[in-house]
Amino acid sequence: MFFGPSGCGKTHASIAIAQHCDALFIDLSAKNTERYTTKEDITKLYATAWRVAKQNQPAVIYFDNVETIMFAGKAKGIVKDPMAKM
């Protein structure tokens, strides 16, 4: 898991790791999954991604801005900086 400010290279590092390992790169970032709006659709999407990753090992499943999908409508409990609570 990578954590850091926008623009520091987390996505590029993930792609580089996948390329170095000759792995399938599955991008489940919020920008690529925004059309899946129901919990059922998102669940099916993730299940399919895991199935494809398992059948085509090695694979890297990449999530960016997952908080916009997983915590949609629950912004009250989200902490902007998870390290701030430590």
PDB file of N, CA and C in Angstrom:
ATOM      1  N   MET A   1       0.838  -1.150   0.000  1.00  0.00           N
ATOM      2  CA  MET A   1       0.000   0.000   0.000  1.00  0.00           C
ATOM      3  C   MET A   1       0.898   1.231   0.000  1.00  0.00           C
ATOM      4  N   PHE A   2       0.570   2.149  -0.899  1.00  0.00           N
ATOM      5  CA  PHE A   2       1.280   3.416  -0.963  1.00  0.00           C
ATOM      6  C   PHE A   2       0.399   4.514  -0.406  1.00  0.00           C
ATOM      7  N   PHE A   3       0.990   5.440   0.298  1.00  0.00           N
ATOM      8  CA  PHE A   3       0.274   6.588   0.837  1.00  0.00           C
ATOM      9  C   PHE A   3       1.136   7.818   0.618  1.00  0.00           C
ATOM     10  N   GLY A   4       0.533   8.869   0.134  1.00  0.00           N
ATOM     11  CA  GLY A   4       1.273  10.099  -0.048  1.00  0.00           C
ATOM     12  C   GLY A   4       0.450  11.129  -0.785  1.00  0.00           C
ATOM     13  N   PRO A   5       0.974  12.329  -0.884  1.00  0.00           N
ATOM     14  CA  PRO A   5       0.228  13.395  -1.546  1.00  0.00           C
ATOM     15  C   PRO A   5       0.111  13.145  -3.045  1.00  0.00           C
ATOM     16  N   SER A   6      -0.857  13.790  -3.626  1.00  0.00           N
ATOM     17  CA  SER A   6      -1.076  13.685  -5.058  1.00  0.00           C
ATOM     18  C   SER A   6       0.179  14.120  -5.822  1.00  0.00           C
ATOM     19  N   GLY A   7       0.532  13.349  -6.834  1.00  0.00           N
ATOM     20  CA  GLY A   7       1.660  13.718  -7.679  1.00  0.00           C
ATOM     21  C   GLY A   7       3.013  13.217  -7.236  1.00  0.00           C
ATOM     22  N   CYS A   8       3.071  12.371  -6.208  1.00  0.00           N
ATOM     23  CA  CYS A   8       4.380  11.926  -5.716  1.00  0.00           C
ATOM     24  C   CYS A   8       4.857  10.628  -6.383  1.00  0.00           C
ATOM     25  N   GLY A   9       4.040  10.026  -7.251  1.00  0.00           N
ATOM     26  CA  GLY A   9       4.503   8.877  -8.018  1.00  0.00           C
ATOM     27  C   GLY A   9       3.953   7.524  -7.600  1.00  0.00           C
ATOM     28  N   LYS A  10       2.894   7.504  -6.822  1.00  0.00           N
ATOM     29  CA  LYS A  10       2.326   6.220  -6.366  1.00  0.00           C
ATOM     30  C   LYS A  10       1.828   5.387  -7.548  1.00  0.00           C
ATOM     31  N   THR A  11       1.121   6.024  -8.470  1.00  0.00           N
ATOM     32  CA  THR A  11       0.593   5.304  -9.632  1.00  0.00           C
ATOM     33  C   THR A  11       1.729   4.794 -10.503  1.00  0.00           C
ATOM     34  N   HIS A  12       2.708   5.632 -10.777  1.00  0.00           N
ATOM     35  CA  HIS A  12       3.843   5.214 -11.619  1.00  0.00           C
ATOM     36  C   HIS A  12       4.615   4.075 -10.965  1.00  0.00           C
ATOM     37  N   ALA A  13       4.770   4.133  -9.662  1.00  0.00           N
ATOM     38  CA  ALA A  13       5.463   3.049  -8.963  1.00  0.00           C
ATOM     39  C   ALA A  13       4.687   1.743  -9.081  1.00  0.00           C
ATOM     40  N   SER A  14       3.374   1.812  -8.976  1.00  0.00           N
ATOM     41  CA  SER A  14       2.542   0.611  -9.108  1.00  0.00           C
ATOM     42  C   SER A  14       2.646   0.006 -10.500  1.00  0.00           C
ATOM     43  N   ILE A  15       2.609   0.858 -11.503  1.00  0.00           N
ATOM     44  CA  ILE A  15       2.748   0.387 -12.889  1.00  0.00           C
ATOM     45  C   ILE A  15       4.133  -0.202 -13.111  1.00  0.00           C
ATOM     46  N   ALA A  16       5.155   0.449 -12.578  1.00  0.00           N
ATOM     47  CA  ALA A  16       6.528  -0.054 -12.727  1.00  0.00           C
ATOM     48  C   ALA A  16       6.689  -1.426 -12.073  1.00  0.00           C
ATOM     49  N   ILE A  17       6.091  -1.606 -10.900  1.00  0.00           N
ATOM     50  CA  ILE A  17       6.155  -2.907 -10.229  1.00  0.00           C
ATOM     51  C   ILE A  17       5.498  -3.975 -11.085  1.00  0.00           C
ATOM     52  N   ALA A  18       4.318  -3.668 -11.615  1.00  0.00           N
ATOM     53  CA  ALA A  18       3.615  -4.637 -12.458  1.00  0.00           C
ATOM     54  C   ALA A  18       4.430  -4.978 -13.705  1.00  0.00           C
ATOM     55  N   GLN A  19       5.003  -3.969 -14.335  1.00  0.00           N
ATOM     56  CA  GLN A  19       5.812  -4.220 -15.535  1.00  0.00           C
ATOM     57  C   GLN A  19       7.057  -5.028 -15.199  1.00  0.00           C
ATOM     58  N   HIS A  20       7.706  -4.695 -14.107  1.00  0.00           N
ATOM     59  CA  HIS A  20       8.918  -5.411 -13.712  1.00  0.00           C
ATOM     60  C   HIS A  20       8.627  -6.887 -13.443  1.00  0.00           C
ATOM     61  N   CYS A  21       7.458  -7.159 -12.879  1.00  0.00           N
ATOM     62  CA  CYS A  21       7.068  -8.541 -12.555  1.00  0.00           C
ATOM     63  C   CYS A  21       6.336  -9.222 -13.709  1.00  0.00           C
ATOM     64  N   ASP A  22       6.224  -8.521 -14.846  1.00  0.00           N
ATOM     65  CA  ASP A  22       5.462  -9.022 -15.987  1.00  0.00           C
ATOM     66  C   ASP A  22       4.066  -9.451 -15.546  1.00  0.00           C
ATOM     67  N   ALA A  23       3.434  -8.573 -14.753  1.00  0.00           N
ATOM     68  CA  ALA A  23       2.129  -8.861 -14.175  1.00  0.00           C
ATOM     69  C   ALA A  23       1.029  -8.091 -14.890  1.00  0.00           C
ATOM     70  N   LEU A  24      -0.147  -8.655 -14.859  1.00  0.00           N
ATOM     71  CA  LEU A  24      -1.340  -7.979 -15.348  1.00  0.00           C
ATOM     72  C   LEU A  24      -1.633  -6.813 -14.408  1.00  0.00           C
ATOM     73  N   PHE A  25      -1.946  -5.653 -14.959  1.00  0.00           N
ATOM     74  CA  PHE A  25      -2.257  -4.467 -14.161  1.00  0.00           C
ATOM     75  C   PHE A  25      -3.733  -4.161 -14.325  1.00  0.00           C
ATOM     76  N   ILE A  26      -4.499  -4.295 -13.250  1.00  0.00           N
ATOM     77  CA  ILE A  26      -5.938  -4.034 -13.268  1.00  0.00           C
ATOM     78  C   ILE A  26      -6.185  -2.756 -12.487  1.00  0.00           C
ATOM     79  N   ASP A  27      -6.656  -1.735 -13.177  1.00  0.00           N
ATOM     80  CA  ASP A  27      -6.849  -0.420 -12.571  1.00  0.00           C
ATOM     81  C   ASP A  27      -8.311  -0.232 -12.177  1.00  0.00           C
ATOM     82  N   LEU A  28      -8.569  -0.329 -10.879  1.00  0.00           N
ATOM     83  CA  LEU A  28      -9.915  -0.121 -10.339  1.00  0.00           C
ATOM     84  C   LEU A  28     -10.018   1.230  -9.638  1.00  0.00           C
ATOM     85  N   SER A  29      -9.363   2.214 -10.199  1.00  0.00           N
ATOM     86  CA  SER A  29      -9.404   3.558  -9.631  1.00  0.00           C
ATOM     87  C   SER A  29     -10.803   4.146  -9.754  1.00  0.00           C
ATOM     88  N   ALA A  30     -11.097   5.097  -8.895  1.00  0.00           N
ATOM     89  CA  ALA A  30     -12.418   5.728  -8.888  1.00  0.00           C
ATOM     90  C   ALA A  30     -12.780   6.298 -10.256  1.00  0.00           C
ATOM     91  N   LYS A  31     -11.804   6.893 -10.944  1.00  0.00           N
ATOM     92  CA  LYS A  31     -12.105   7.491 -12.256  1.00  0.00           C
ATOM     93  C   LYS A  31     -12.505   6.430 -13.284  1.00  0.00           C
ATOM     94  N   ASN A  32     -12.054   5.204 -13.119  1.00  0.00           N
ATOM     95  CA  ASN A  32     -12.382   4.129 -14.062  1.00  0.00           C
ATOM     96  C   ASN A  32     -13.630   3.358 -13.678  1.00  0.00           C
ATOM     97  N   THR A  33     -14.104   3.540 -12.464  1.00  0.00           N
ATOM     98  CA  THR A  33     -15.251   2.765 -11.994  1.00  0.00           C
ATOM     99  C   THR A  33     -16.447   3.639 -11.633  1.00  0.00           C
ATOM    100  N   GLU A  34     -16.400   4.920 -11.972  1.00  0.00           N
ATOM    101  CA  GLU A  34     -17.453   5.837 -11.548  1.00  0.00           C
ATOM    102  C   GLU A  34     -18.820   5.525 -12.149  1.00  0.00           C
ATOM    103  N   ARG A  35     -18.856   4.819 -13.269  1.00  0.00           N
ATOM    104  CA  ARG A  35     -20.157   4.498 -13.868  1.00  0.00           C
ATOM    105  C   ARG A  35     -20.878   3.379 -13.122  1.00  0.00           C
ATOM    106  N   TYR A  36     -20.151   2.662 -12.264  1.00  0.00           N
ATOM    107  CA  TYR A  36     -20.766   1.625 -11.437  1.00  0.00           C
ATOM    108  C   TYR A  36     -21.269   2.300 -10.162  1.00  0.00           C
ATOM    109  N   THR A  37     -22.567   2.495 -10.085  1.00  0.00           N
ATOM    110  CA  THR A  37     -23.106   3.328  -9.017  1.00  0.00           C
ATOM    111  C   THR A  37     -23.777   2.544  -7.896  1.00  0.00           C
ATOM    112  N   THR A  38     -24.237   1.344  -8.174  1.00  0.00           N
ATOM    113  CA  THR A  38     -24.901   0.588  -7.120  1.00  0.00           C
ATOM    114  C   THR A  38     -23.914  -0.332  -6.417  1.00  0.00           C
ATOM    115  N   LYS A  39     -24.230  -0.671  -5.194  1.00  0.00           N
ATOM    116  CA  LYS A  39     -23.374  -1.571  -4.425  1.00  0.00           C
ATOM    117  C   LYS A  39     -23.247  -2.921  -5.132  1.00  0.00           C
ATOM    118  N   GLU A  40     -24.328  -3.364  -5.744  1.00  0.00           N
ATOM    119  CA  GLU A  40     -24.323  -4.646  -6.469  1.00  0.00           C
ATOM    120  C   GLU A  40     -23.369  -4.603  -7.667  1.00  0.00           C
ATOM    121  N   ASP A  41     -23.413  -3.513  -8.428  1.00  0.00           N
ATOM    122  CA  ASP A  41     -22.523  -3.370  -9.589  1.00  0.00           C
ATOM    123  C   ASP A  41     -21.058  -3.335  -9.167  1.00  0.00           C
ATOM    124  N   ILE A  42     -20.762  -2.603  -8.118  1.00  0.00           N
ATOM    125  CA  ILE A  42     -19.386  -2.493  -7.633  1.00  0.00           C
ATOM    126  C   ILE A  42     -18.899  -3.844  -7.122  1.00  0.00           C
ATOM    127  N   THR A  43     -19.768  -4.561  -6.411  1.00  0.00           N
ATOM    128  CA  THR A  43     -19.410  -5.890  -5.914  1.00  0.00           C
ATOM    129  C   THR A  43     -19.103  -6.833  -7.066  1.00  0.00           C
ATOM    130  N   LYS A  44     -19.922  -6.811  -8.102  1.00  0.00           N
ATOM    131  CA  LYS A  44     -19.685  -7.664  -9.283  1.00  0.00           C
ATOM    132  C   LYS A  44     -18.371  -7.289  -9.973  1.00  0.00           C
ATOM    133  N   LEU A  45     -18.117  -5.989 -10.084  1.00  0.00           N
ATOM    134  CA  LEU A  45     -16.885  -5.514 -10.714  1.00  0.00           C
ATOM    135  C   LEU A  45     -15.660  -6.020  -9.968  1.00  0.00           C
ATOM    136  N   TYR A  46     -15.667  -5.861  -8.645  1.00  0.00           N
ATOM    137  CA  TYR A  46     -14.523  -6.296  -7.842  1.00  0.00           C
ATOM    138  C   TYR A  46     -14.363  -7.810  -7.879  1.00  0.00           C
ATOM    139  N   ALA A  47     -15.454  -8.542  -7.821  1.00  0.00           N
ATOM    140  CA  ALA A  47     -15.380 -10.005  -7.892  1.00  0.00           C
ATOM    141  C   ALA A  47     -14.804 -10.461  -9.228  1.00  0.00           C
ATOM    142  N   THR A  48     -15.207  -9.796 -10.287  1.00  0.00           N
ATOM    143  CA  THR A  48     -14.676 -10.125 -11.611  1.00  0.00           C
ATOM    144  C   THR A  48     -13.188  -9.804 -11.692  1.00  0.00           C
ATOM    145  N   ALA A  49     -12.794  -8.671 -11.141  1.00  0.00           N
ATOM    146  CA  ALA A  49     -11.373  -8.295 -11.150  1.00  0.00           C
ATOM    147  C   ALA A  49     -10.542  -9.336 -10.409  1.00  0.00           C
ATOM    148  N   TRP A  50     -11.006  -9.779  -9.250  1.00  0.00           N
ATOM    149  CA  TRP A  50     -10.261 -10.787  -8.491  1.00  0.00           C
ATOM    150  C   TRP A  50     -10.195 -12.111  -9.253  1.00  0.00           C
ATOM    151  N   ARG A  51     -11.286 -12.481  -9.905  1.00  0.00           N
ATOM    152  CA  ARG A  51     -11.300 -13.720 -10.684  1.00  0.00           C
ATOM    153  C   ARG A  51     -10.298 -13.641 -11.839  1.00  0.00           C
ATOM    154  N   VAL A  52     -10.300 -12.519 -12.547  1.00  0.00           N
ATOM    155  CA  VAL A  52      -9.362 -12.327 -13.660  1.00  0.00           C
ATOM    156  C   VAL A  52      -7.926 -12.329 -13.145  1.00  0.00           C
ATOM    157  N   ALA A  53      -7.684 -11.670 -12.020  1.00  0.00           N
ATOM    158  CA  ALA A  53      -6.333 -11.632 -11.445  1.00  0.00           C
ATOM    159  C   ALA A  53      -5.868 -13.035 -11.056  1.00  0.00           C
ATOM    160  N   LYS A  54      -6.763 -13.807 -10.481  1.00  0.00           N
ATOM    161  CA  LYS A  54      -6.405 -15.169 -10.064  1.00  0.00           C
ATOM    162  C   LYS A  54      -6.086 -16.044 -11.261  1.00  0.00           C
ATOM    163  N   GLN A  55      -6.843 -15.887 -12.341  1.00  0.00           N
ATOM    164  CA  GLN A  55      -6.638 -16.701 -13.540  1.00  0.00           C
ATOM    165  C   GLN A  55      -5.436 -16.246 -14.354  1.00  0.00           C
ATOM    166  N   ASN A  56      -4.971 -15.035 -14.152  1.00  0.00           N
ATOM    167  CA  ASN A  56      -3.872 -14.481 -14.952  1.00  0.00           C
ATOM    168  C   ASN A  56      -2.723 -14.019 -14.072  1.00  0.00           C
ATOM    169  N   GLN A  57      -2.341 -14.843 -13.129  1.00  0.00           N
ATOM    170  CA  GLN A  57      -1.260 -14.491 -12.207  1.00  0.00           C
ATOM    171  C   GLN A  57       0.069 -14.412 -12.938  1.00  0.00           C
ATOM    172  N   PRO A  58       0.952 -13.546 -12.516  1.00  0.00           N
ATOM    173  CA  PRO A  58       0.823 -12.554 -11.450  1.00  0.00           C
ATOM    174  C   PRO A  58      -0.020 -11.370 -11.920  1.00  0.00           C
ATOM    175  N   ALA A  59      -0.637 -10.710 -10.952  1.00  0.00           N
ATOM    176  CA  ALA A  59      -1.483  -9.559 -11.259  1.00  0.00           C
ATOM    177  C   ALA A  59      -1.377  -8.529 -10.134  1.00  0.00           C
ATOM    178  N   VAL A  60      -1.531  -7.283 -10.523  1.00  0.00           N
ATOM    179  CA  VAL A  60      -1.577  -6.177  -9.574  1.00  0.00           C
ATOM    180  C   VAL A  60      -2.952  -5.532  -9.738  1.00  0.00           C
ATOM    181  N   ILE A  61      -3.702  -5.454  -8.641  1.00  0.00           N
ATOM    182  CA  ILE A  61      -4.978  -4.749  -8.657  1.00  0.00           C
ATOM    183  C   ILE A  61      -4.737  -3.403  -7.993  1.00  0.00           C
ATOM    184  N   TYR A  62      -4.976  -2.356  -8.755  1.00  0.00           N
ATOM    185  CA  TYR A  62      -4.648  -0.997  -8.323  1.00  0.00           C
ATOM    186  C   TYR A  62      -5.919  -0.209  -8.012  1.00  0.00           C
ATOM    187  N   PHE A  63      -5.965   0.405  -6.843  1.00  0.00           N
ATOM    188  CA  PHE A  63      -7.058   1.282  -6.431  1.00  0.00           C
ATOM    189  C   PHE A  63      -6.471   2.665  -6.180  1.00  0.00           C
ATOM    190  N   ASP A  64      -7.076   3.679  -6.756  1.00  0.00           N
ATOM    191  CA  ASP A  64      -6.690   5.055  -6.452  1.00  0.00           C
ATOM    192  C   ASP A  64      -7.958   5.807  -6.087  1.00  0.00           C
ATOM    193  N   ASN A  65      -7.885   6.618  -5.063  1.00  0.00           N
ATOM    194  CA  ASN A  65      -9.036   7.370  -4.572  1.00  0.00           C
ATOM    195  C   ASN A  65     -10.203   6.454  -4.227  1.00  0.00           C
ATOM    196  N   VAL A  66      -9.885   5.329  -3.629  1.00  0.00           N
ATOM    197  CA  VAL A  66     -10.916   4.352  -3.295  1.00  0.00           C
ATOM    198  C   VAL A  66     -11.910   4.909  -2.282  1.00  0.00           C
ATOM    199  N   GLU A  67     -11.505   5.899  -1.508  1.00  0.00           N
ATOM    200  CA  GLU A  67     -12.414   6.462  -0.516  1.00  0.00           C
ATOM    201  C   GLU A  67     -13.646   7.081  -1.160  1.00  0.00           C
ATOM    202  N   THR A  68     -13.525   7.514  -2.417  1.00  0.00           N
ATOM    203  CA  THR A  68     -14.681   8.093  -3.097  1.00  0.00           C
ATOM    204  C   THR A  68     -15.706   7.034  -3.465  1.00  0.00           C
ATOM    205  N   ILE A  69     -15.280   5.788  -3.561  1.00  0.00           N
ATOM    206  CA  ILE A  69     -16.203   4.683  -3.857  1.00  0.00           C
ATOM    207  C   ILE A  69     -16.673   4.036  -2.566  1.00  0.00           C
ATOM    208  N   MET A  70     -15.741   3.656  -1.722  1.00  0.00           N
ATOM    209  CA  MET A  70     -16.054   2.869  -0.535  1.00  0.00           C
ATOM    210  C   MET A  70     -16.783   3.666   0.537  1.00  0.00           C
ATOM    211  N   PHE A  71     -16.539   4.960   0.613  1.00  0.00           N
ATOM    212  CA  PHE A  71     -17.127   5.764   1.669  1.00  0.00           C
ATOM    213  C   PHE A  71     -18.063   6.834   1.134  1.00  0.00           C
ATOM    214  N   ALA A  72     -18.589   6.637  -0.076  1.00  0.00           N
ATOM    215  CA  ALA A  72     -19.515   7.613  -0.653  1.00  0.00           C
ATOM    216  C   ALA A  72     -20.713   7.776   0.272  1.00  0.00           C
ATOM    217  N   GLY A  73     -21.025   9.010   0.594  1.00  0.00           N
ATOM    218  CA  GLY A  73     -22.149   9.293   1.473  1.00  0.00           C
ATOM    219  C   GLY A  73     -21.823   9.173   2.947  1.00  0.00           C
ATOM    220  N   LYS A  74     -20.581   8.808   3.277  1.00  0.00           N
ATOM    221  CA  LYS A  74     -20.182   8.659   4.674  1.00  0.00           C
ATOM    222  C   LYS A  74     -19.032   9.608   5.006  1.00  0.00           C
ATOM    223  N   ALA A  75     -18.993  10.726   4.338  1.00  0.00           N
ATOM    224  CA  ALA A  75     -17.861  11.651   4.466  1.00  0.00           C
ATOM    225  C   ALA A  75     -17.657  12.143   5.895  1.00  0.00           C
ATOM    226  N   LYS A  76     -18.678  12.099   6.711  1.00  0.00           N
ATOM    227  CA  LYS A  76     -18.574  12.586   8.077  1.00  0.00           C
ATOM    228  C   LYS A  76     -17.470  11.884   8.860  1.00  0.00           C
ATOM    229  N   GLY A  77     -17.275  10.577   8.625  1.00  0.00           N
ATOM    230  CA  GLY A  77     -16.301   9.816   9.384  1.00  0.00           C
ATOM    231  C   GLY A  77     -14.933   9.724   8.748  1.00  0.00           C
ATOM    232  N   ILE A  78     -14.753  10.317   7.577  1.00  0.00           N
ATOM    233  CA  ILE A  78     -13.476  10.205   6.867  1.00  0.00           C
ATOM    234  C   ILE A  78     -12.488  11.223   7.418  1.00  0.00           C
ATOM    235  N   VAL A  79     -11.291  10.768   7.667  1.00  0.00           N
ATOM    236  CA  VAL A  79     -10.209  11.641   8.103  1.00  0.00           C
ATOM    237  C   VAL A  79      -9.357  11.931   6.878  1.00  0.00           C
ATOM    238  N   LYS A  80      -9.107  13.189   6.598  1.00  0.00           N
ATOM    239  CA  LYS A  80      -8.324  13.572   5.419  1.00  0.00           C
ATOM    240  C   LYS A  80      -6.932  12.959   5.452  1.00  0.00           C
ATOM    241  N   ASP A  81      -6.299  12.956   6.602  1.00  0.00           N
ATOM    242  CA  ASP A  81      -4.960  12.395   6.747  1.00  0.00           C
ATOM    243  C   ASP A  81      -5.015  11.273   7.768  1.00  0.00           C
ATOM    244  N   PRO A  82      -5.007   9.995   7.304  1.00  0.00           N
ATOM    245  CA  PRO A  82      -5.099   8.872   8.235  1.00  0.00           C
ATOM    246  C   PRO A  82      -3.960   8.845   9.244  1.00  0.00           C
ATOM    247  N   MET A  83      -2.830   9.435   8.922  1.00  0.00           N
ATOM    248  CA  MET A  83      -1.687   9.434   9.828  1.00  0.00           C
ATOM    249  C   MET A  83      -1.911  10.436  10.970  1.00  0.00           C
ATOM    250  N   ALA A  84      -2.878  11.335  10.816  1.00  0.00           N
ATOM    251  CA  ALA A  84      -3.121  12.346  11.840  1.00  0.00           C
ATOM    252  C   ALA A  84      -3.628  11.747  13.151  1.00  0.00           C
ATOM    253  N   LYS A  85      -4.264  10.591  13.093  1.00  0.00           N
ATOM    254  CA  LYS A  85      -4.798   9.954  14.288  1.00  0.00           C
ATOM    255  C   LYS A  85      -3.717   9.246  15.085  1.00  0.00           C
ATOM    256  N   MET A  86      -2.551   9.048  14.498  1.00  0.00           N
ATOM    257  CA  MET A  86      -1.473   8.309  15.185  1.00  0.00           C
ATOM    258  C   MET A  86      -0.708   9.208  16.109  1.00  0.00           C
TER     259      MET A  86
END
